[in-house]
Amino acid sequence: MSRPDPRAVGAVAIGGAVGAMLRWGLGELAPDESGFPWTTFAINVSGSLLLALVLGLGAVRRRPVLLAGLGPGLLGGYTTLSTLAEQSRSLLADGHVATALAYLVGSALACVAAVAIGRRLATGA
């Protein structure tokens, strides 16, 4: 097994820290108070769009360290499956079954749609 490039590891670490701080900052600026986790929803959808854009750009794909820093680093730290899962669990535990299902299904559909849009924008295909 080959060893990962230390520069790529550093790029993922730095990107992940920045992405996590961005996600935290958005949560502080716009806390989810309406009953539906709109902030996390928006973060995950926008992160999906941005990831597809980044992966679709040849200039980024040709630079493994940049790709690692932006993809699994920045956008991996920015998006959050664990928070989606915890918020869904919490909604279910509080008896908000319809909201939890809408959040789970809506997140999946919106994120896949965002990826399709981002890929189309990045590649023109």
Protein backbone atom coordinates (compact mmCIF):
# COMPACT_ATOMS: atom_id res chain seq x y z
CA MET A 1 0.00 0.00 0.00
CA SER A 2 1.40 3.39 -0.96
CA ARG A 3 1.72 6.19 1.52
CA PRO A 4 -0.44 9.27 1.02
CA ASP A 5 1.25 12.46 -0.07
CA PRO A 6 1.93 14.46 3.12
CA ARG A 7 0.94 17.65 1.26
CA ALA A 8 -2.47 16.13 0.46
CA VAL A 9 -2.91 15.06 4.08
CA GLY A 10 -2.11 18.59 5.20
CA ALA A 11 -4.47 20.06 2.60
CA VAL A 12 -7.30 17.82 3.84
CA ALA A 13 -6.60 18.81 7.46
CA ILE A 14 -6.48 22.52 6.75
CA GLY A 15 -9.45 22.41 4.37
CA GLY A 16 -11.46 20.34 6.85
CA ALA A 17 -10.79 22.80 9.65
CA VAL A 18 -11.84 25.76 7.48
CA GLY A 19 -14.95 23.93 6.23
CA ALA A 20 -15.99 22.98 9.75
CA MET A 21 -15.52 26.57 10.93
CA LEU A 22 -17.65 27.82 8.02
CA ARG A 23 -20.40 25.34 8.89
CA TRP A 24 -20.24 26.30 12.57
CA GLY A 25 -20.31 30.02 11.69
CA LEU A 26 -23.38 29.61 9.49
CA GLY A 27 -25.09 27.69 12.28
CA GLU A 28 -24.36 30.58 14.64
CA LEU A 29 -25.57 33.20 12.15
CA ALA A 30 -28.75 31.31 11.24
CA PRO A 31 -29.62 28.79 13.94
CA ASP A 32 -32.30 26.21 13.16
CA GLU A 33 -35.24 27.49 15.20
CA SER A 34 -38.24 26.92 12.94
CA GLY A 35 -38.63 23.21 13.60
CA PHE A 36 -37.09 22.28 10.24
CA PRO A 37 -33.25 22.23 10.12
CA TRP A 38 -32.99 24.74 7.27
CA THR A 39 -29.41 25.77 7.99
CA THR A 40 -28.02 22.25 7.86
CA PHE A 41 -30.19 21.54 4.82
CA ALA A 42 -28.78 24.59 3.01
CA ILE A 43 -25.21 23.73 4.01
CA ASN A 44 -25.50 20.18 2.70
CA VAL A 45 -27.17 21.20 -0.56
CA SER A 46 -24.72 24.03 -1.24
CA GLY A 47 -21.80 21.76 -0.34
CA SER A 48 -23.06 19.13 -2.77
CA LEU A 49 -23.29 21.72 -5.53
CA LEU A 50 -19.81 23.04 -4.80
CA LEU A 51 -18.29 19.56 -4.63
CA ALA A 52 -19.71 18.72 -8.07
CA LEU A 53 -18.36 22.02 -9.43
CA VAL A 54 -14.90 21.36 -7.97
CA LEU A 55 -14.75 17.78 -9.23
CA GLY A 56 -15.90 18.91 -12.65
CA LEU A 57 -13.06 21.37 -13.13
CA GLY A 58 -10.13 19.83 -14.94
CA ALA A 59 -7.74 22.38 -13.42
CA VAL A 60 -8.62 21.06 -9.96
CA ARG A 61 -8.66 17.36 -10.92
CA ARG A 62 -5.13 17.68 -12.33
CA ARG A 63 -3.79 18.93 -8.98
CA PRO A 64 -4.18 16.14 -6.41
CA VAL A 65 -3.27 18.33 -3.44
CA LEU A 66 -5.78 21.01 -4.44
CA LEU A 67 -8.42 18.36 -5.07
CA ALA A 68 -7.80 16.81 -1.65
CA GLY A 69 -7.91 20.17 0.08
CA LEU A 70 -11.11 21.33 -1.60
CA GLY A 71 -13.01 18.02 -1.84
CA PRO A 72 -12.66 15.86 1.26
CA GLY A 73 -11.02 18.75 3.09
CA LEU A 74 -12.99 21.98 2.78
CA LEU A 75 -16.27 20.56 1.51
CA GLY A 76 -16.01 17.41 3.62
CA GLY A 77 -15.66 19.61 6.68
CA TYR A 78 -18.41 21.96 5.51
CA THR A 79 -21.09 19.35 4.80
CA THR A 80 -22.39 17.15 7.55
CA LEU A 81 -24.09 13.80 7.32
CA SER A 82 -23.72 13.27 11.07
CA THR A 83 -25.69 16.42 11.90
CA LEU A 84 -28.38 15.46 9.40
CA ALA A 85 -28.64 12.05 11.09
CA GLU A 86 -28.72 13.52 14.61
CA GLN A 87 -31.29 16.17 13.72
CA SER A 88 -33.46 13.51 12.07
CA ARG A 89 -33.17 11.29 15.15
CA SER A 90 -34.10 14.22 17.37
CA LEU A 91 -37.13 15.10 15.23
CA LEU A 92 -38.29 11.47 15.38
CA ALA A 93 -37.72 11.31 19.16
CA ASP A 94 -39.82 14.46 19.58
CA GLY A 95 -42.66 12.92 17.56
CA HIS A 96 -42.12 15.00 14.41
CA VAL A 97 -42.20 12.03 12.06
CA ALA A 98 -43.40 13.92 8.97
CA THR A 99 -40.77 16.64 9.44
CA ALA A 100 -38.01 14.06 9.94
CA LEU A 101 -39.03 12.16 6.81
CA ALA A 102 -39.32 15.38 4.80
CA TYR A 103 -35.87 16.40 6.01
CA LEU A 104 -34.26 13.06 5.16
CA VAL A 105 -35.91 12.58 1.77
CA GLY A 106 -35.72 16.27 0.88
CA SER A 107 -32.02 16.40 1.75
CA ALA A 108 -31.22 13.35 -0.37
CA LEU A 109 -33.20 14.61 -3.36
CA ALA A 110 -31.95 18.19 -3.13
CA CYS A 111 -28.31 17.11 -2.73
CA VAL A 112 -28.49 14.77 -5.73
CA ALA A 113 -30.14 17.52 -7.79
CA ALA A 114 -27.43 19.98 -6.67
CA VAL A 115 -24.73 17.53 -7.77
CA ALA A 116 -26.38 17.14 -11.19
CA ILE A 117 -26.60 20.93 -11.58
CA GLY A 118 -23.02 21.45 -10.41
CA ARG A 119 -21.69 18.80 -12.76
CA ARG A 120 -23.57 20.32 -15.67
CA LEU A 121 -22.26 23.79 -14.84
CA ALA A 122 -18.68 22.55 -14.47
CA THR A 123 -18.53 20.34 -17.53
CA GLY A 124 -21.17 21.77 -19.81
CA ALA A 125 -22.55 18.24 -20.18
